[in-house]
Amino acid sequence: MKRFKKHGIALLLGLIIFTACKKGKGDLTEIKTANFENLNLDSNAYWNGSDGTGKFNSNGVTFTNNFNTSYGSWDGFVYSQQNDVVTADYTNQFSVFDASNGINKFALYYPPFGGDAFAFFVKDSTYLVNSISVCNSSYTALTMKNGDPYGFSKKFGGTTGNDPDWYKMTVIGYNATGDSVKSVNFYLADYRFADNSKDYIINKWTTIDLTSLGKINKMTFRLSSSDNGAYGMNTPAYVCLDNLKYEIVTSGSY
């Protein structure tokens, strides 16, 4: 009789657990994309922060900007839709090096001197960032391809084409308490191959996986190069960004 009761209780518990699992809808995952299409721009224009707002937002992600009114300069993030892939100097700093970009809007990042600027979510929140699309700016790419017209930055590969040059972006994720957690490296240009025909400069939007960062509250983009001088990196420190995808998970009901 005792054995029967034990078996009956176990069977009842099993049915309860099965029923609960069967009714549960599970967590609901929504993929959001910061693609900057919500931002207003005139045709073939850009925003560099001159209005003093100091930031902009796209689909739940805030991007910081610092505009210097004394010099008319900026650092951090701006947004644009320009894609002049021919003009090879500083006057073309707002173009993406992808001739097929059309009127697509995107962000550009230029790091503050000796520091970082951040793209971040709401305070204390953390999300899994799936991916981001990146491309060189035209100014950076044409400088690496041909050298700076003023002789400040070198032509990648040098005169022989054999110099093992490179230009790299490191995406760093931070948790809700502001500690850096993990990073992802991506080469925007790479001339380190023994076979020079494999050397490349990224010239189209390219998606990179950021899931290894885990759940983060904010991120920054550090740029480094093989071409450096007494005052730091000679390669123009720009990168274009688009389609930042992240997950919002909502607990399912039962």
C-alpha atoms as a PDB file:
ATOM      1  CA  MET A   1       0.000   0.000   0.000  1.00  0.00           C
ATOM      2  CA  LYS A   2       2.832   2.412   0.842  1.00  0.00           C
ATOM      3  CA  ARG A   3       4.544   1.561  -2.465  1.00  0.00           C
ATOM      4  CA  PHE A   4       1.340   2.364  -4.374  1.00  0.00           C
ATOM      5  CA  LYS A   5       1.021   5.746  -2.652  1.00  0.00           C
ATOM      6  CA  LYS A   6       4.615   6.631  -3.493  1.00  0.00           C
ATOM      7  CA  HIS A   7       4.082   5.669  -7.128  1.00  0.00           C
ATOM      8  CA  GLY A   8       0.825   7.622  -7.242  1.00  0.00           C
ATOM      9  CA  ILE A   9       2.424  10.753  -5.832  1.00  0.00           C
ATOM     10  CA  ALA A  10       5.309  10.512  -8.303  1.00  0.00           C
ATOM     11  CA  LEU A  11       2.856  10.079 -11.178  1.00  0.00           C
ATOM     12  CA  LEU A  12       0.843  13.097 -10.047  1.00  0.00           C
ATOM     13  CA  LEU A  13       3.956  15.289  -9.774  1.00  0.00           C
ATOM     14  CA  GLY A  14       5.030  14.168 -13.214  1.00  0.00           C
ATOM     15  CA  LEU A  15       1.670  15.150 -14.693  1.00  0.00           C
ATOM     16  CA  ILE A  16       1.841  18.584 -13.018  1.00  0.00           C
ATOM     17  CA  ILE A  17       5.342  19.229 -14.367  1.00  0.00           C
ATOM     18  CA  PHE A  18       4.374  18.045 -17.856  1.00  0.00           C
ATOM     19  CA  THR A  19       1.260  20.206 -17.878  1.00  0.00           C
ATOM     20  CA  ALA A  20       3.212  23.279 -16.743  1.00  0.00           C
ATOM     21  CA  CYS A  21       5.818  22.769 -19.462  1.00  0.00           C
ATOM     22  CA  LYS A  22       3.172  22.217 -22.080  1.00  0.00           C
ATOM     23  CA  LYS A  23       1.350  25.450 -21.230  1.00  0.00           C
ATOM     24  CA  GLY A  24       4.459  27.634 -21.066  1.00  0.00           C
ATOM     25  CA  LYS A  25       4.950  29.875 -24.072  1.00  0.00           C
ATOM     26  CA  GLY A  26       8.646  30.401 -23.370  1.00  0.00           C
ATOM     27  CA  ASP A  27      10.702  33.544 -23.626  1.00  0.00           C
ATOM     28  CA  LEU A  28       9.893  35.886 -26.480  1.00  0.00           C
ATOM     29  CA  THR A  29      12.877  37.304 -28.374  1.00  0.00           C
ATOM     30  CA  GLU A  30      12.626  40.482 -30.426  1.00  0.00           C
ATOM     31  CA  ILE A  31      15.470  41.555 -32.697  1.00  0.00           C
ATOM     32  CA  LYS A  32      15.871  45.331 -32.859  1.00  0.00           C
ATOM     33  CA  THR A  33      18.037  47.135 -35.390  1.00  0.00           C
ATOM     34  CA  ALA A  34      19.638  50.551 -35.049  1.00  0.00           C
ATOM     35  CA  ASN A  35      19.856  51.510 -38.721  1.00  0.00           C
ATOM     36  CA  PHE A  36      19.625  55.339 -38.427  1.00  0.00           C
ATOM     37  CA  GLU A  37      16.762  55.593 -40.910  1.00  0.00           C
ATOM     38  CA  ASN A  38      14.711  57.391 -38.223  1.00  0.00           C
ATOM     39  CA  LEU A  39      17.128  60.352 -38.355  1.00  0.00           C
ATOM     40  CA  ASN A  40      16.382  63.366 -40.537  1.00  0.00           C
ATOM     41  CA  LEU A  41      18.829  64.375 -43.262  1.00  0.00           C
ATOM     42  CA  ASP A  42      18.642  66.379 -46.441  1.00  0.00           C
ATOM     43  CA  SER A  43      19.731  64.595 -49.608  1.00  0.00           C
ATOM     44  CA  ASN A  44      23.447  63.692 -49.628  1.00  0.00           C
ATOM     45  CA  ALA A  45      23.931  65.348 -46.243  1.00  0.00           C
ATOM     46  CA  TYR A  46      25.390  64.622 -42.803  1.00  0.00           C
ATOM     47  CA  TRP A  47      24.933  65.585 -39.136  1.00  0.00           C
ATOM     48  CA  ASN A  48      28.119  66.358 -37.191  1.00  0.00           C
ATOM     49  CA  GLY A  49      26.722  67.618 -33.884  1.00  0.00           C
ATOM     50  CA  SER A  50      26.945  71.326 -34.623  1.00  0.00           C
ATOM     51  CA  ASP A  51      23.466  71.816 -33.111  1.00  0.00           C
ATOM     52  CA  GLY A  52      24.975  71.035 -29.692  1.00  0.00           C
ATOM     53  CA  THR A  53      22.631  68.190 -28.787  1.00  0.00           C
ATOM     54  CA  GLY A  54      25.590  65.939 -28.010  1.00  0.00           C
ATOM     55  CA  LYS A  55      23.969  62.642 -28.996  1.00  0.00           C
ATOM     56  CA  PHE A  56      21.449  60.882 -31.220  1.00  0.00           C
ATOM     57  CA  ASN A  57      19.331  57.743 -30.837  1.00  0.00           C
ATOM     58  CA  SER A  58      18.319  54.980 -33.187  1.00  0.00           C
ATOM     59  CA  ASN A  59      15.899  52.271 -32.049  1.00  0.00           C
ATOM     60  CA  GLY A  60      16.939  52.214 -28.404  1.00  0.00           C
ATOM     61  CA  VAL A  61      20.676  52.813 -28.867  1.00  0.00           C
ATOM     62  CA  THR A  62      22.186  56.210 -27.979  1.00  0.00           C
ATOM     63  CA  PHE A  63      25.365  57.446 -29.698  1.00  0.00           C
ATOM     64  CA  THR A  64      27.420  60.210 -28.105  1.00  0.00           C
ATOM     65  CA  ASN A  65      28.917  63.180 -29.942  1.00  0.00           C
ATOM     66  CA  ASN A  66      31.220  66.035 -28.994  1.00  0.00           C
ATOM     67  CA  PHE A  67      31.295  69.118 -31.222  1.00  0.00           C
ATOM     68  CA  ASN A  68      33.921  71.812 -30.687  1.00  0.00           C
ATOM     69  CA  THR A  69      32.412  75.184 -31.588  1.00  0.00           C
ATOM     70  CA  SER A  70      35.810  76.911 -31.525  1.00  0.00           C
ATOM     71  CA  TYR A  71      37.292  74.738 -34.258  1.00  0.00           C
ATOM     72  CA  GLY A  72      34.172  73.360 -35.936  1.00  0.00           C
ATOM     73  CA  SER A  73      35.493  69.848 -35.257  1.00  0.00           C
ATOM     74  CA  TRP A  74      33.857  66.767 -33.760  1.00  0.00           C
ATOM     75  CA  ASP A  75      34.577  63.368 -32.269  1.00  0.00           C
ATOM     76  CA  GLY A  76      32.493  60.411 -31.199  1.00  0.00           C
ATOM     77  CA  PHE A  77      29.605  59.547 -33.513  1.00  0.00           C
ATOM     78  CA  VAL A  78      27.951  61.377 -36.401  1.00  0.00           C
ATOM     79  CA  TYR A  79      25.569  60.197 -39.119  1.00  0.00           C
ATOM     80  CA  SER A  80      25.527  60.612 -42.874  1.00  0.00           C
ATOM     81  CA  GLN A  81      24.373  59.225 -46.219  1.00  0.00           C
ATOM     82  CA  GLN A  82      27.293  60.351 -48.376  1.00  0.00           C
ATOM     83  CA  ASN A  83      29.211  57.867 -50.528  1.00  0.00           C
ATOM     84  CA  ASP A  84      31.797  59.795 -52.541  1.00  0.00           C
ATOM     85  CA  VAL A  85      34.437  57.116 -53.212  1.00  0.00           C
ATOM     86  CA  VAL A  86      36.687  59.405 -55.294  1.00  0.00           C
ATOM     87  CA  THR A  87      37.609  62.515 -53.279  1.00  0.00           C
ATOM     88  CA  ALA A  88      40.721  61.574 -51.335  1.00  0.00           C
ATOM     89  CA  ASP A  89      41.130  64.122 -48.566  1.00  0.00           C
ATOM     90  CA  TYR A  90      39.711  65.453 -45.304  1.00  0.00           C
ATOM     91  CA  THR A  91      36.894  67.321 -47.084  1.00  0.00           C
ATOM     92  CA  ASN A  92      35.352  63.908 -47.748  1.00  0.00           C
ATOM     93  CA  GLN A  93      35.332  62.658 -44.158  1.00  0.00           C
ATOM     94  CA  PHE A  94      31.579  61.841 -44.102  1.00  0.00           C
ATOM     95  CA  SER A  95      31.473  59.312 -46.976  1.00  0.00           C
ATOM     96  CA  VAL A  96      31.334  55.528 -46.788  1.00  0.00           C
ATOM     97  CA  PHE A  97      33.678  53.651 -49.152  1.00  0.00           C
ATOM     98  CA  ASP A  98      30.829  51.717 -50.745  1.00  0.00           C
ATOM     99  CA  ALA A  99      29.628  53.201 -54.032  1.00  0.00           C
ATOM    100  CA  SER A 100      26.406  51.156 -53.832  1.00  0.00           C
ATOM    101  CA  ASN A 101      25.325  52.748 -50.539  1.00  0.00           C
ATOM    102  CA  GLY A 102      22.814  55.057 -52.255  1.00  0.00           C
ATOM    103  CA  ILE A 103      20.702  57.092 -49.806  1.00  0.00           C
ATOM    104  CA  ASN A 104      21.179  54.608 -46.956  1.00  0.00           C
ATOM    105  CA  LYS A 105      21.943  56.387 -43.653  1.00  0.00           C
ATOM    106  CA  PHE A 106      24.797  55.232 -41.442  1.00  0.00           C
ATOM    107  CA  ALA A 107      26.921  56.351 -38.492  1.00  0.00           C
ATOM    108  CA  LEU A 108      30.618  57.241 -38.486  1.00  0.00           C
ATOM    109  CA  TYR A 109      32.909  56.930 -35.502  1.00  0.00           C
ATOM    110  CA  TYR A 110      35.971  59.049 -34.840  1.00  0.00           C
ATOM    111  CA  PRO A 111      37.497  58.452 -31.384  1.00  0.00           C
ATOM    112  CA  PRO A 112      38.155  61.302 -28.944  1.00  0.00           C
ATOM    113  CA  PHE A 113      41.859  62.017 -28.506  1.00  0.00           C
ATOM    114  CA  GLY A 114      43.186  59.576 -25.907  1.00  0.00           C
ATOM    115  CA  GLY A 115      39.717  58.287 -24.983  1.00  0.00           C
ATOM    116  CA  ASP A 116      36.511  56.563 -26.027  1.00  0.00           C
ATOM    117  CA  ALA A 117      32.969  57.505 -26.968  1.00  0.00           C
ATOM    118  CA  PHE A 118      30.142  55.034 -26.475  1.00  0.00           C
ATOM    119  CA  ALA A 119      27.030  53.605 -28.022  1.00  0.00           C
ATOM    120  CA  PHE A 120      24.851  52.589 -25.093  1.00  0.00           C
ATOM    121  CA  PHE A 121      21.508  51.202 -23.965  1.00  0.00           C
ATOM    122  CA  VAL A 122      19.331  52.517 -21.144  1.00  0.00           C
ATOM    123  CA  LYS A 123      21.128  52.685 -17.777  1.00  0.00           C
ATOM    124  CA  ASP A 124      21.439  49.322 -15.969  1.00  0.00           C
ATOM    125  CA  SER A 125      20.022  47.357 -18.917  1.00  0.00           C
ATOM    126  CA  THR A 126      22.011  44.730 -20.789  1.00  0.00           C
ATOM    127  CA  TYR A 127      21.294  43.093 -24.127  1.00  0.00           C
ATOM    128  CA  LEU A 128      22.867  40.517 -26.392  1.00  0.00           C
ATOM    129  CA  VAL A 129      24.237  42.312 -29.444  1.00  0.00           C
ATOM    130  CA  ASN A 130      24.058  39.990 -32.432  1.00  0.00           C
ATOM    131  CA  SER A 131      25.948  41.863 -35.140  1.00  0.00           C
ATOM    132  CA  ILE A 132      26.899  45.138 -36.764  1.00  0.00           C
ATOM    133  CA  SER A 133      27.691  46.145 -40.347  1.00  0.00           C
ATOM    134  CA  VAL A 134      30.933  48.039 -40.916  1.00  0.00           C
ATOM    135  CA  CYS A 135      32.816  49.660 -43.778  1.00  0.00           C
ATOM    136  CA  ASN A 136      35.765  51.986 -44.222  1.00  0.00           C
ATOM    137  CA  SER A 137      35.210  55.680 -44.679  1.00  0.00           C
ATOM    138  CA  SER A 138      36.312  56.926 -48.107  1.00  0.00           C
ATOM    139  CA  TYR A 139      38.886  59.249 -46.565  1.00  0.00           C
ATOM    140  CA  THR A 140      40.502  56.388 -44.647  1.00  0.00           C
ATOM    141  CA  ALA A 141      40.313  53.874 -47.488  1.00  0.00           C
ATOM    142  CA  LEU A 142      41.740  56.171 -50.167  1.00  0.00           C
ATOM    143  CA  THR A 143      44.546  57.208 -47.815  1.00  0.00           C
ATOM    144  CA  MET A 144      45.486  53.558 -47.257  1.00  0.00           C
ATOM    145  CA  LYS A 145      45.204  52.821 -50.974  1.00  0.00           C
ATOM    146  CA  ASN A 146      47.186  55.780 -52.310  1.00  0.00           C
ATOM    147  CA  GLY A 147      48.862  57.439 -49.341  1.00  0.00           C
ATOM    148  CA  ASP A 148      47.930  60.833 -47.928  1.00  0.00           C
ATOM    149  CA  PRO A 149      48.225  63.605 -50.576  1.00  0.00           C
ATOM    150  CA  TYR A 150      50.178  65.685 -48.032  1.00  0.00           C
ATOM    151  CA  GLY A 151      52.575  62.869 -47.149  1.00  0.00           C
ATOM    152  CA  PHE A 152      51.268  62.421 -43.612  1.00  0.00           C
ATOM    153  CA  SER A 153      50.049  58.816 -43.994  1.00  0.00           C
ATOM    154  CA  LYS A 154      51.715  56.061 -45.995  1.00  0.00           C
ATOM    155  CA  LYS A 155      50.383  53.999 -48.851  1.00  0.00           C
ATOM    156  CA  PHE A 156      49.660  50.546 -47.483  1.00  0.00           C
ATOM    157  CA  GLY A 157      52.118  47.976 -48.776  1.00  0.00           C
ATOM    158  CA  GLY A 158      54.729  50.662 -49.396  1.00  0.00           C
ATOM    159  CA  THR A 159      56.402  51.241 -52.737  1.00  0.00           C
ATOM    160  CA  THR A 160      56.970  47.508 -53.283  1.00  0.00           C
ATOM    161  CA  GLY A 161      53.574  46.395 -52.041  1.00  0.00           C
ATOM    162  CA  ASN A 162      55.268  44.084 -49.559  1.00  0.00           C
ATOM    163  CA  ASP A 163      54.968  46.112 -46.335  1.00  0.00           C
ATOM    164  CA  PRO A 164      52.746  44.107 -43.929  1.00  0.00           C
ATOM    165  CA  ASP A 165      50.357  46.962 -43.153  1.00  0.00           C
ATOM    166  CA  TRP A 166      46.984  46.658 -41.438  1.00  0.00           C
ATOM    167  CA  TYR A 167      44.088  48.711 -40.050  1.00  0.00           C
ATOM    168  CA  LYS A 168      42.021  47.144 -37.283  1.00  0.00           C
ATOM    169  CA  MET A 169      38.826  47.848 -35.362  1.00  0.00           C
ATOM    170  CA  THR A 170      38.346  46.415 -31.865  1.00  0.00           C
ATOM    171  CA  VAL A 171      34.769  46.386 -30.548  1.00  0.00           C
ATOM    172  CA  ILE A 172      34.741  46.392 -26.738  1.00  0.00           C
ATOM    173  CA  GLY A 173      31.641  45.563 -24.695  1.00  0.00           C
ATOM    174  CA  TYR A 174      30.947  46.812 -21.162  1.00  0.00           C
ATOM    175  CA  ASN A 175      28.600  45.496 -18.486  1.00  0.00           C
ATOM    176  CA  ALA A 176      26.050  47.546 -16.515  1.00  0.00           C
ATOM    177  CA  THR A 177      28.650  48.557 -13.916  1.00  0.00           C
ATOM    178  CA  GLY A 178      30.986  49.972 -16.565  1.00  0.00           C
ATOM    179  CA  ASP A 179      33.567  47.180 -16.651  1.00  0.00           C
ATOM    180  CA  SER A 180      34.871  45.989 -20.010  1.00  0.00           C
ATOM    181  CA  VAL A 181      34.030  42.338 -20.530  1.00  0.00           C
ATOM    182  CA  LYS A 182      35.047  41.047 -23.955  1.00  0.00           C
ATOM    183  CA  SER A 183      36.186  42.337 -27.340  1.00  0.00           C
ATOM    184  CA  VAL A 184      35.999  41.427 -31.033  1.00  0.00           C
ATOM    185  CA  ASN A 185      38.691  42.308 -33.598  1.00  0.00           C
ATOM    186  CA  PHE A 186      38.039  42.997 -37.267  1.00  0.00           C
ATOM    187  CA  TYR A 187      40.571  44.047 -39.910  1.00  0.00           C
ATOM    188  CA  LEU A 188      39.310  46.907 -42.069  1.00  0.00           C
ATOM    189  CA  ALA A 189      42.435  46.513 -44.203  1.00  0.00           C
ATOM    190  CA  ASP A 190      45.069  43.781 -44.247  1.00  0.00           C
ATOM    191  CA  TYR A 191      48.296  43.710 -46.263  1.00  0.00           C
ATOM    192  CA  ARG A 192      50.092  41.043 -44.238  1.00  0.00           C
ATOM    193  CA  PHE A 193      49.710  38.248 -46.796  1.00  0.00           C
ATOM    194  CA  ALA A 194      52.736  36.710 -48.486  1.00  0.00           C
ATOM    195  CA  ASP A 195      50.659  36.756 -51.675  1.00  0.00           C
ATOM    196  CA  ASN A 196      49.976  40.448 -52.371  1.00  0.00           C
ATOM    197  CA  SER A 197      46.906  39.597 -54.427  1.00  0.00           C
ATOM    198  CA  LYS A 198      45.157  38.720 -51.157  1.00  0.00           C
ATOM    199  CA  ASP A 199      45.705  42.176 -49.665  1.00  0.00           C
ATOM    200  CA  TYR A 200      42.438  44.043 -49.150  1.00  0.00           C
ATOM    201  CA  ILE A 201      40.722  47.229 -48.003  1.00  0.00           C
ATOM    202  CA  ILE A 202      37.080  46.730 -47.011  1.00  0.00           C
ATOM    203  CA  ASN A 203      34.991  48.497 -49.675  1.00  0.00           C
ATOM    204  CA  LYS A 204      31.470  47.238 -48.988  1.00  0.00           C
ATOM    205  CA  TRP A 205      29.208  46.879 -45.983  1.00  0.00           C
ATOM    206  CA  THR A 206      30.342  43.794 -44.080  1.00  0.00           C
ATOM    207  CA  THR A 207      28.476  42.185 -41.177  1.00  0.00           C
ATOM    208  CA  ILE A 208      30.485  40.989 -38.181  1.00  0.00           C
ATOM    209  CA  ASP A 209      29.270  38.715 -35.386  1.00  0.00           C
ATOM    210  CA  LEU A 210      29.278  40.297 -31.910  1.00  0.00           C
ATOM    211  CA  THR A 211      27.498  37.576 -29.926  1.00  0.00           C
ATOM    212  CA  SER A 212      30.744  36.635 -28.161  1.00  0.00           C
ATOM    213  CA  LEU A 213      30.534  39.927 -26.247  1.00  0.00           C
ATOM    214  CA  GLY A 214      27.621  38.486 -24.272  1.00  0.00           C
ATOM    215  CA  LYS A 215      25.032  40.790 -22.700  1.00  0.00           C
ATOM    216  CA  ILE A 216      26.344  44.333 -22.536  1.00  0.00           C
ATOM    217  CA  ASN A 217      25.192  47.834 -21.619  1.00  0.00           C
ATOM    218  CA  LYS A 218      27.489  49.797 -23.923  1.00  0.00           C
ATOM    219  CA  MET A 219      30.258  49.440 -26.485  1.00  0.00           C
ATOM    220  CA  THR A 220      33.079  51.409 -28.034  1.00  0.00           C
ATOM    221  CA  PHE A 221      35.256  51.031 -31.122  1.00  0.00           C
ATOM    222  CA  ARG A 222      39.023  51.338 -30.869  1.00  0.00           C
ATOM    223  CA  LEU A 223      41.022  51.786 -34.063  1.00  0.00           C
ATOM    224  CA  SER A 224      44.663  50.846 -34.575  1.00  0.00           C
ATOM    225  CA  SER A 225      47.076  50.690 -37.502  1.00  0.00           C
ATOM    226  CA  SER A 226      50.558  49.619 -38.519  1.00  0.00           C
ATOM    227  CA  ASP A 227      51.181  53.227 -39.652  1.00  0.00           C
ATOM    228  CA  ASN A 228      52.087  55.286 -36.576  1.00  0.00           C
ATOM    229  CA  GLY A 229      54.168  58.368 -35.832  1.00  0.00           C
ATOM    230  CA  ALA A 230      55.321  60.509 -32.931  1.00  0.00           C
ATOM    231  CA  TYR A 231      51.761  61.673 -32.223  1.00  0.00           C
ATOM    232  CA  GLY A 232      49.997  58.335 -32.628  1.00  0.00           C
ATOM    233  CA  MET A 233      48.260  56.696 -35.559  1.00  0.00           C
ATOM    234  CA  ASN A 234      48.797  58.257 -38.992  1.00  0.00           C
ATOM    235  CA  THR A 235      45.935  56.411 -40.706  1.00  0.00           C
ATOM    236  CA  PRO A 236      42.741  58.536 -40.513  1.00  0.00           C
ATOM    237  CA  ALA A 237      40.805  57.025 -37.587  1.00  0.00           C
ATOM    238  CA  TYR A 238      37.302  56.608 -38.996  1.00  0.00           C
ATOM    239  CA  VAL A 239      34.928  53.672 -39.359  1.00  0.00           C
ATOM    240  CA  CYS A 240      31.380  53.563 -40.740  1.00  0.00           C
ATOM    241  CA  LEU A 241      28.686  51.631 -38.834  1.00  0.00           C
ATOM    242  CA  ASP A 242      25.178  50.417 -39.645  1.00  0.00           C
ATOM    243  CA  ASN A 243      22.521  47.849 -38.737  1.00  0.00           C
ATOM    244  CA  LEU A 244      23.429  47.247 -35.104  1.00  0.00           C
ATOM    245  CA  LYS A 245      21.219  44.275 -34.188  1.00  0.00           C
ATOM    246  CA  TYR A 246      20.435  43.301 -30.597  1.00  0.00           C
ATOM    247  CA  GLU A 247      17.979  41.056 -28.744  1.00  0.00           C
ATOM    248  CA  ILE A 248      15.269  42.054 -26.279  1.00  0.00           C
ATOM    249  CA  VAL A 249      13.989  39.003 -24.395  1.00  0.00           C
ATOM    250  CA  THR A 250      10.605  39.082 -22.660  1.00  0.00           C
ATOM    251  CA  SER A 251       9.605  36.265 -20.283  1.00  0.00           C
ATOM    252  CA  GLY A 252       6.727  34.226 -21.626  1.00  0.00           C
ATOM    253  CA  SER A 253       3.440  33.750 -19.718  1.00  0.00           C
ATOM    254  CA  TYR A 254       1.993  30.466 -18.516  1.00  0.00           C
END
